[in-house]
Amino acid sequence: MVRVLVAGHSGLDKHRWINAISSYANGKVGRVMALDFDSMLSNSMPYFLDSYLEKQRNKWYETVNQLLNRIDKEQPEHVIVSMHLTYFRHNTYWSLIDANALREFKFDMIVTLIDDAYSVWHRISNRESRERHGVYIRLRDVFVWRTVEIMMADMLATVLGIRNYVVAIKHPVETFFKLMFTKLPKAYLSHPISHVRDNGKAISEINEFARRLRGIVVLFEPTTIDELIIERNWANGRRTIIDRGDRWPVDNDDSEYPIKLREDEVMEVITRNPVTKRSLIQDQVMRRDFRYIEQSDMVIAYRPKYGGTLSMGVSSEVTIAVNMGKPVYVYWPPEDGDIANNPFEYVHEYFSDVEELLGFLRRQVSAQ
């Protein structure tokens, strides 16, 4: 039996996601019961977030007991519960989580969903225009709320003695299935992004390599979050509109484009910190990719010097992975220069042929 708690703040459309993963898994691993805690809670108490804290807390416990009773009655083979760990309204964060109550579910892991901040902002803004709750969320608030939700999930995972995996919702459903229901090793794919973004051939090549890797490992992909385009668009004519074509192409993107951001809110997230010289977006990109590396069993670096230009992002990620003691496998074809002149130290192995690398990984996985 597998029991998973799926965390994530508002605006992720978790209801659609939980239906997709349960539909994908049903029949492959037996019956999967997917429970959307927040939908149950809000349906029984429509103005939940506007009520007093004591009333919210009582309703939270009541809904937890309803879920436990339903699971006990129906006895599914596997259970996935989707739940907000934190709430945000009127510039205030709060949580109703009781780890002792959640311990009764006997969760095996937590999966914290994240998404592009502009997609989340757009969904919440559209919902507010329809439902009129009298609230407004700024783009910066989405970035911060994501951090708070991850922090709460990490704390809860520590108390429950389980692992919290942070995963972008734009990963393929297959990736979540393998993470939850298989023992396959987890790998982070490090590859050039910024300097190949306008190279359609390079993007297609990297995406095809990622597709093949997904058949071997549980693959964490950096381009399932693509927020630096906010900075790129602003630098390119002070654009505040995000079009689908701006984003690194992924298969599982249900965001509605174009997304029109407010200029003052864009400035809040791209302005450089006077000390670190990094923006809020850059800080979050760095922390998120390092998180992917930390929760992986290995790192696979694809063409760090694509087209003769060394990717600083790949270089940094390889260095971090080596320092964490993670195995690093690098694909470096002859057209990218002499592999003997690579800048890395203590990399596990280099491959000049992509088929050789994929075959090596298949043998590694089969031997486990």
Protein backbone atom coordinates (compact mmCIF):
# COMPACT_ATOMS: atom_id res chain seq x y z
CA MET A 1 0.00 0.00 0.00
CA VAL A 2 1.22 3.50 -0.90
CA ARG A 3 -0.06 6.59 0.90
CA VAL A 4 1.02 10.00 -0.33
CA LEU A 5 0.27 13.50 0.96
CA VAL A 6 0.30 16.02 -1.88
CA ALA A 7 0.98 19.54 -0.61
CA GLY A 8 0.91 22.84 -2.46
CA HIS A 9 -0.50 26.33 -2.13
CA SER A 10 -3.56 27.67 -3.93
CA GLY A 11 -3.56 28.31 -7.67
CA LEU A 12 -1.98 25.01 -8.73
CA ASP A 13 -5.20 23.40 -9.96
CA LYS A 14 -4.40 20.38 -7.79
CA HIS A 15 -7.88 18.97 -8.36
CA ARG A 16 -7.09 18.42 -12.06
CA TRP A 17 -3.68 16.99 -11.20
CA ILE A 18 -4.92 14.52 -8.58
CA ASN A 19 -7.55 13.23 -11.02
CA ALA A 20 -4.89 12.78 -13.70
CA ILE A 21 -2.48 10.84 -11.47
CA SER A 22 -5.22 8.60 -10.05
CA SER A 23 -6.54 7.85 -13.55
CA TYR A 24 -3.02 7.04 -14.74
CA ALA A 25 -2.28 4.79 -11.77
CA ASN A 26 -5.60 2.95 -11.57
CA GLY A 27 -5.24 -0.46 -13.20
CA LYS A 28 -1.44 -0.30 -13.10
CA VAL A 29 -1.08 -0.69 -9.35
CA GLY A 30 -4.61 -1.50 -8.23
CA ARG A 31 -7.28 0.87 -6.97
CA VAL A 32 -6.05 4.37 -6.07
CA MET A 33 -8.27 6.55 -3.90
CA ALA A 34 -7.62 10.24 -4.63
CA LEU A 35 -8.98 12.66 -2.03
CA ASP A 36 -8.99 16.45 -2.42
CA PHE A 37 -9.07 17.63 1.19
CA ASP A 38 -9.55 21.31 0.39
CA SER A 39 -12.47 20.75 -1.97
CA MET A 40 -14.24 18.70 0.68
CA LEU A 41 -13.54 21.37 3.27
CA SER A 42 -14.66 24.36 1.20
CA ASN A 43 -17.75 22.58 -0.18
CA SER A 44 -19.02 21.97 3.34
CA MET A 45 -18.06 25.48 4.48
CA PRO A 46 -18.02 27.91 1.49
CA TYR A 47 -16.56 30.89 3.40
CA PHE A 48 -13.97 28.84 5.25
CA LEU A 49 -11.09 31.30 4.84
CA ASP A 50 -13.23 34.21 6.00
CA SER A 51 -14.34 32.55 9.25
CA TYR A 52 -12.75 32.75 12.69
CA LEU A 53 -9.60 30.73 13.31
CA GLU A 54 -11.28 28.49 15.88
CA LYS A 55 -14.06 27.68 13.42
CA GLN A 56 -11.48 26.94 10.71
CA ARG A 57 -9.58 24.62 13.03
CA ASN A 58 -12.72 22.69 14.03
CA LYS A 59 -13.69 22.25 10.38
CA TRP A 60 -10.15 21.10 9.56
CA TYR A 61 -10.29 18.33 12.21
CA GLU A 62 -13.79 17.37 11.12
CA THR A 63 -12.67 16.95 7.51
CA VAL A 64 -9.60 14.92 8.56
CA ASN A 65 -11.87 12.51 10.45
CA GLN A 66 -14.20 12.25 7.45
CA LEU A 67 -11.28 11.23 5.24
CA LEU A 68 -9.97 8.69 7.73
CA ASN A 69 -13.43 7.15 8.09
CA ARG A 70 -13.85 6.95 4.32
CA ILE A 71 -10.48 5.27 3.87
CA ASP A 72 -11.26 2.81 6.66
CA LYS A 73 -14.64 2.00 5.13
CA GLU A 74 -13.57 1.58 1.51
CA GLN A 75 -10.13 0.01 2.11
CA PRO A 76 -8.44 1.15 -1.12
CA GLU A 77 -5.09 -0.31 -2.10
CA HIS A 78 -3.45 3.13 -2.35
CA VAL A 79 -4.36 6.61 -1.12
CA ILE A 80 -3.37 10.06 -2.38
CA VAL A 81 -4.53 13.04 -0.29
CA SER A 82 -4.19 16.57 -1.64
CA MET A 83 -4.03 19.35 0.96
CA HIS A 84 -2.94 22.97 1.46
CA LEU A 85 -0.48 23.11 4.35
CA THR A 86 -0.62 26.90 4.52
CA TYR A 87 -3.10 29.64 3.71
CA PHE A 88 -2.54 33.24 2.62
CA ARG A 89 -4.95 36.12 2.67
CA HIS A 90 -4.69 39.85 3.35
CA ASN A 91 -0.89 39.68 3.69
CA THR A 92 -1.10 36.98 6.37
CA TYR A 93 0.16 33.38 6.31
CA TRP A 94 -1.23 30.74 8.63
CA SER A 95 -1.53 26.97 8.98
CA LEU A 96 -3.99 24.58 10.64
CA ILE A 97 -1.77 21.53 10.34
CA ASP A 98 -1.70 19.07 13.25
CA ALA A 99 1.03 16.49 12.66
CA ASN A 100 -0.46 14.12 15.23
CA ALA A 101 -3.77 14.06 13.35
CA LEU A 102 -2.02 13.50 10.00
CA ARG A 103 0.05 10.70 11.50
CA GLU A 104 -3.11 8.57 11.42
CA PHE A 105 -2.95 8.44 7.62
CA LYS A 106 0.42 6.64 7.74
CA PHE A 107 1.80 8.59 4.78
CA ASP A 108 4.88 7.18 3.02
CA MET A 109 5.98 10.50 1.53
CA ILE A 110 4.99 14.09 0.86
CA VAL A 111 5.04 15.51 -2.66
CA THR A 112 4.95 19.31 -2.70
CA LEU A 113 3.71 20.64 -6.02
CA ILE A 114 5.03 23.91 -7.44
CA ASP A 115 4.42 25.79 -10.68
CA ASP A 116 5.52 28.87 -12.59
CA ALA A 117 4.63 31.86 -10.41
CA TYR A 118 3.02 33.68 -13.35
CA SER A 119 0.74 30.69 -14.04
CA VAL A 120 -0.30 30.54 -10.37
CA TRP A 121 -0.87 34.29 -10.23
CA HIS A 122 -2.99 34.14 -13.38
CA ARG A 123 -5.19 31.29 -12.09
CA ILE A 124 -5.79 33.00 -8.75
CA SER A 125 -6.49 36.36 -10.43
CA ASN A 126 -8.98 34.77 -12.83
CA ARG A 127 -10.70 32.91 -10.02
CA GLU A 128 -11.00 36.12 -7.98
CA SER A 129 -12.53 37.95 -10.95
CA ARG A 130 -15.23 35.26 -11.05
CA GLU A 131 -15.86 34.61 -7.36
CA ARG A 132 -15.20 38.07 -5.87
CA HIS A 133 -13.70 37.23 -2.46
CA GLY A 134 -12.29 40.73 -2.10
CA VAL A 135 -8.64 39.65 -2.13
CA TYR A 136 -5.67 40.34 -4.38
CA ILE A 137 -2.37 38.49 -4.57
CA ARG A 138 0.76 40.10 -5.98
CA LEU A 139 3.25 38.18 -8.10
CA ARG A 140 5.85 38.44 -5.32
CA ASP A 141 3.37 36.90 -2.88
CA VAL A 142 3.24 33.75 -5.02
CA PHE A 143 7.03 33.32 -4.84
CA VAL A 144 7.02 33.79 -1.06
CA TRP A 145 3.97 31.56 -0.50
CA ARG A 146 5.71 28.77 -2.39
CA THR A 147 8.68 29.05 -0.04
CA VAL A 148 6.42 28.99 3.03
CA GLU A 149 4.52 25.92 1.77
CA ILE A 150 7.76 24.03 1.09
CA MET A 151 9.08 24.96 4.54
CA MET A 152 5.89 23.68 6.20
CA ALA A 153 6.06 20.44 4.18
CA ASP A 154 9.69 19.94 5.21
CA MET A 155 8.80 20.46 8.88
CA LEU A 156 5.87 18.06 8.64
CA ALA A 157 8.00 15.45 6.86
CA THR A 158 10.60 15.66 9.63
CA VAL A 159 7.97 15.13 12.33
CA LEU A 160 6.39 12.21 10.44
CA GLY A 161 9.77 10.66 9.61
CA ILE A 162 9.19 10.65 5.86
CA ARG A 163 10.60 12.44 2.80
CA ASN A 164 9.25 15.59 1.15
CA TYR A 165 9.82 15.79 -2.61
CA VAL A 166 9.39 19.17 -4.28
CA VAL A 167 8.22 18.63 -7.87
CA ALA A 168 6.94 21.05 -10.51
CA ILE A 169 3.42 20.23 -11.64
CA LYS A 170 4.45 20.55 -15.32
CA HIS A 171 6.41 17.29 -15.06
CA PRO A 172 4.72 14.44 -16.97
CA VAL A 173 2.18 12.41 -14.98
CA GLU A 174 4.44 9.40 -15.61
CA THR A 175 7.16 11.04 -13.49
CA PHE A 176 4.85 11.38 -10.47
CA PHE A 177 3.64 7.82 -10.91
CA LYS A 178 7.17 6.45 -10.89
CA LEU A 179 8.14 8.60 -7.90
CA MET A 180 5.19 7.32 -5.87
CA PHE A 181 4.84 3.71 -6.98
CA THR A 182 8.29 2.48 -8.04
CA LYS A 183 11.74 2.15 -6.52
CA LEU A 184 13.49 3.54 -9.59
CA PRO A 185 16.46 5.81 -8.86
CA LYS A 186 15.86 9.53 -9.08
CA ALA A 187 17.99 11.70 -11.37
CA TYR A 188 18.33 15.39 -12.06
CA LEU A 189 18.92 16.45 -15.65
CA SER A 190 21.33 19.39 -15.86
CA HIS A 191 21.58 21.01 -19.26
CA PRO A 192 22.18 24.41 -20.89
CA ILE A 193 19.13 26.66 -20.91
CA SER A 194 19.88 30.36 -21.29
CA HIS A 195 22.33 30.28 -24.18
CA VAL A 196 20.36 27.71 -26.22
CA ARG A 197 16.90 29.16 -25.61
CA ASP A 198 16.70 30.60 -29.14
CA ASN A 199 18.10 27.42 -30.72
CA GLY A 200 15.15 25.28 -31.73
CA LYS A 201 17.39 22.36 -32.71
CA ALA A 202 19.06 22.35 -29.28
CA ILE A 203 15.72 22.52 -27.46
CA SER A 204 14.32 19.60 -29.46
CA GLU A 205 17.49 17.60 -28.88
CA ILE A 206 17.46 18.19 -25.11
CA ASN A 207 13.74 17.43 -24.83
CA GLU A 208 14.20 14.19 -26.75
CA PHE A 209 17.05 13.17 -24.45
CA ALA A 210 14.82 13.93 -21.44
CA ARG A 211 12.04 11.81 -22.94
CA ARG A 212 14.39 8.85 -23.26
CA LEU A 213 15.73 9.31 -19.75
CA ARG A 214 12.20 9.19 -18.32
CA GLY A 215 12.02 5.58 -19.47
CA ILE A 216 14.98 4.70 -17.23
CA VAL A 217 14.77 6.83 -14.07
CA VAL A 218 12.50 9.18 -12.15
CA LEU A 219 13.62 12.39 -13.84
CA PHE A 220 13.55 15.87 -12.31
CA GLU A 221 13.67 18.47 -15.10
CA PRO A 222 14.67 22.11 -14.49
CA THR A 223 12.59 23.53 -17.35
CA THR A 224 9.31 22.40 -15.77
CA ILE A 225 9.64 25.77 -14.02
CA ASP A 226 10.63 28.61 -16.35
CA GLU A 227 10.44 31.94 -14.53
CA LEU A 228 13.57 33.67 -15.77
CA ILE A 229 11.58 34.56 -18.90
CA ILE A 230 10.02 37.32 -16.76
CA GLU A 231 13.46 38.96 -16.59
CA ARG A 232 14.27 38.10 -20.19
CA ASN A 233 11.06 39.68 -21.49
CA TRP A 234 11.57 42.82 -19.43
CA ALA A 235 15.13 43.19 -20.77
CA ASN A 236 13.76 42.70 -24.28
CA GLY A 237 11.65 45.84 -24.65
CA ARG A 238 10.18 45.98 -21.12
CA ARG A 239 7.65 43.29 -22.01
CA THR A 240 5.29 42.21 -19.22
CA ILE A 241 3.28 39.73 -21.27
CA ILE A 242 4.14 36.01 -21.10
CA ASP A 243 3.27 34.13 -24.30
CA ARG A 244 3.39 30.36 -24.65
CA GLY A 245 6.23 30.75 -27.14
CA ASP A 246 8.37 32.53 -24.53
CA ARG A 247 8.48 29.45 -22.35
CA TRP A 248 10.71 26.38 -22.75
CA PRO A 249 8.27 23.90 -24.35
CA VAL A 250 6.93 21.12 -22.12
CA ASP A 251 4.14 18.65 -22.84
CA ASN A 252 2.18 19.11 -19.62
CA ASP A 253 1.42 22.84 -19.66
CA ASP A 254 -2.25 23.74 -19.24
CA SER A 255 -1.62 27.42 -18.48
CA GLU A 256 -3.74 29.92 -20.37
CA TYR A 257 -1.65 32.34 -22.42
CA PRO A 258 -1.03 35.17 -22.89
CA ILE A 259 -0.49 36.20 -19.25
CA LYS A 260 -0.38 39.96 -18.71
CA LEU A 261 1.63 40.89 -15.61
CA ARG A 262 1.66 44.29 -13.91
CA GLU A 263 4.78 46.37 -14.44
CA ASP A 264 5.23 47.29 -10.76
CA GLU A 265 4.92 43.64 -9.76
CA VAL A 266 7.46 42.57 -12.35
CA MET A 267 9.91 45.11 -10.93
CA GLU A 268 9.47 43.63 -7.45
CA VAL A 269 10.68 40.20 -8.54
CA ILE A 270 13.46 41.21 -10.98
CA THR A 271 15.13 43.97 -8.94
CA ARG A 272 18.59 42.90 -7.76
CA ASN A 273 19.40 42.59 -4.08
CA PRO A 274 22.06 45.24 -3.33
CA VAL A 275 24.19 42.71 -1.45
CA THR A 276 23.84 39.44 -3.38
CA LYS A 277 23.26 41.14 -6.77
CA ARG A 278 20.59 38.54 -7.48
CA SER A 279 16.86 38.99 -7.99
CA LEU A 280 14.11 37.10 -6.18
CA ILE A 281 13.61 35.00 -9.30
CA GLN A 282 17.32 34.14 -9.53
CA ASP A 283 17.45 33.17 -5.86
CA GLN A 284 14.50 30.84 -6.27
CA VAL A 285 15.87 29.28 -9.45
CA MET A 286 19.14 28.50 -7.68
CA ARG A 287 17.50 27.07 -4.55
CA ARG A 288 14.99 25.01 -6.52
CA ASP A 289 17.54 23.41 -8.82
CA PHE A 290 19.80 22.63 -5.87
CA ARG A 291 16.77 21.08 -4.17
CA TYR A 292 16.21 18.84 -7.19
CA ILE A 293 19.85 17.75 -6.95
CA GLU A 294 19.59 17.10 -3.21
CA GLN A 295 16.54 14.83 -3.63
CA SER A 296 18.12 12.90 -6.52
CA ASP A 297 20.34 9.82 -6.51
CA MET A 298 22.44 11.05 -9.41
CA VAL A 299 22.94 13.99 -11.78
CA ILE A 300 23.13 13.63 -15.55
CA ALA A 301 24.76 16.59 -17.30
CA TYR A 302 23.89 16.95 -20.97
CA ARG A 303 26.36 18.79 -23.21
CA PRO A 304 27.64 21.38 -20.67
CA LYS A 305 29.53 23.13 -23.47
CA TYR A 306 26.81 23.04 -26.10
CA GLY A 307 27.97 24.85 -29.24
CA GLY A 308 31.31 25.69 -27.63
CA THR A 309 29.87 27.85 -24.82
CA LEU A 310 30.17 26.52 -21.28
CA SER A 311 26.88 26.73 -19.38
CA MET A 312 27.51 28.41 -16.03
CA GLY A 313 24.30 26.86 -14.68
CA VAL A 314 25.44 23.33 -15.52
CA SER A 315 28.89 24.05 -14.14
CA SER A 316 27.40 25.23 -10.85
CA GLU A 317 25.03 22.26 -10.59
CA VAL A 318 27.77 19.72 -11.29
CA THR A 319 29.94 21.32 -8.61
CA ILE A 320 27.08 21.22 -6.08
CA ALA A 321 26.30 17.59 -6.91
CA VAL A 322 29.94 16.56 -6.48
CA ASN A 323 30.09 18.36 -3.14
CA MET A 324 26.94 16.51 -2.06
CA GLY A 325 28.55 13.20 -2.96
CA LYS A 326 26.14 12.50 -5.83
CA PRO A 327 27.30 10.47 -8.83
CA VAL A 328 27.57 12.73 -11.90
CA TYR A 329 27.51 11.40 -15.46
CA VAL A 330 28.39 13.84 -18.24
CA TYR A 331 27.55 13.58 -21.93
CA TRP A 332 30.21 15.53 -23.84
CA PRO A 333 30.22 14.83 -27.62
CA PRO A 334 33.30 15.59 -29.75
CA GLU A 335 31.65 18.60 -31.42
CA ASP A 336 31.66 20.43 -28.07
CA GLY A 337 35.45 20.34 -27.84
CA ASP A 338 38.13 18.19 -26.27
CA ILE A 339 36.65 16.42 -23.25
CA ALA A 340 40.05 16.55 -21.60
CA ASN A 341 39.61 20.32 -21.27
CA ASN A 342 36.40 20.05 -19.22
CA PRO A 343 36.25 22.27 -16.10
CA PHE A 344 34.87 19.63 -13.71
CA GLU A 345 36.54 17.70 -10.93
CA TYR A 346 35.60 14.32 -9.48
CA VAL A 347 32.88 13.57 -12.02
CA HIS A 348 31.97 9.87 -11.98
CA GLU A 349 32.17 9.27 -15.72
CA TYR A 350 32.19 11.03 -19.09
CA PHE A 351 30.48 9.76 -22.24
CA SER A 352 31.08 10.94 -25.79
CA ASP A 353 28.24 8.83 -27.19
CA VAL A 354 24.65 9.32 -26.01
CA GLU A 355 23.67 5.70 -26.66
CA GLU A 356 26.58 4.54 -24.52
CA LEU A 357 25.37 6.77 -21.67
CA LEU A 358 21.78 5.53 -21.90
CA GLY A 359 22.92 1.92 -22.04
CA PHE A 360 25.14 2.47 -19.00
CA LEU A 361 22.21 3.95 -17.04
CA ARG A 362 19.93 1.04 -17.99
CA ARG A 363 22.53 -1.43 -16.69
CA GLN A 364 22.97 0.59 -13.48
CA VAL A 365 19.23 0.56 -12.83
CA SER A 366 18.86 -3.14 -13.66
CA ALA A 367 21.66 -4.03 -11.25
CA GLN A 368 19.89 -2.37 -8.30
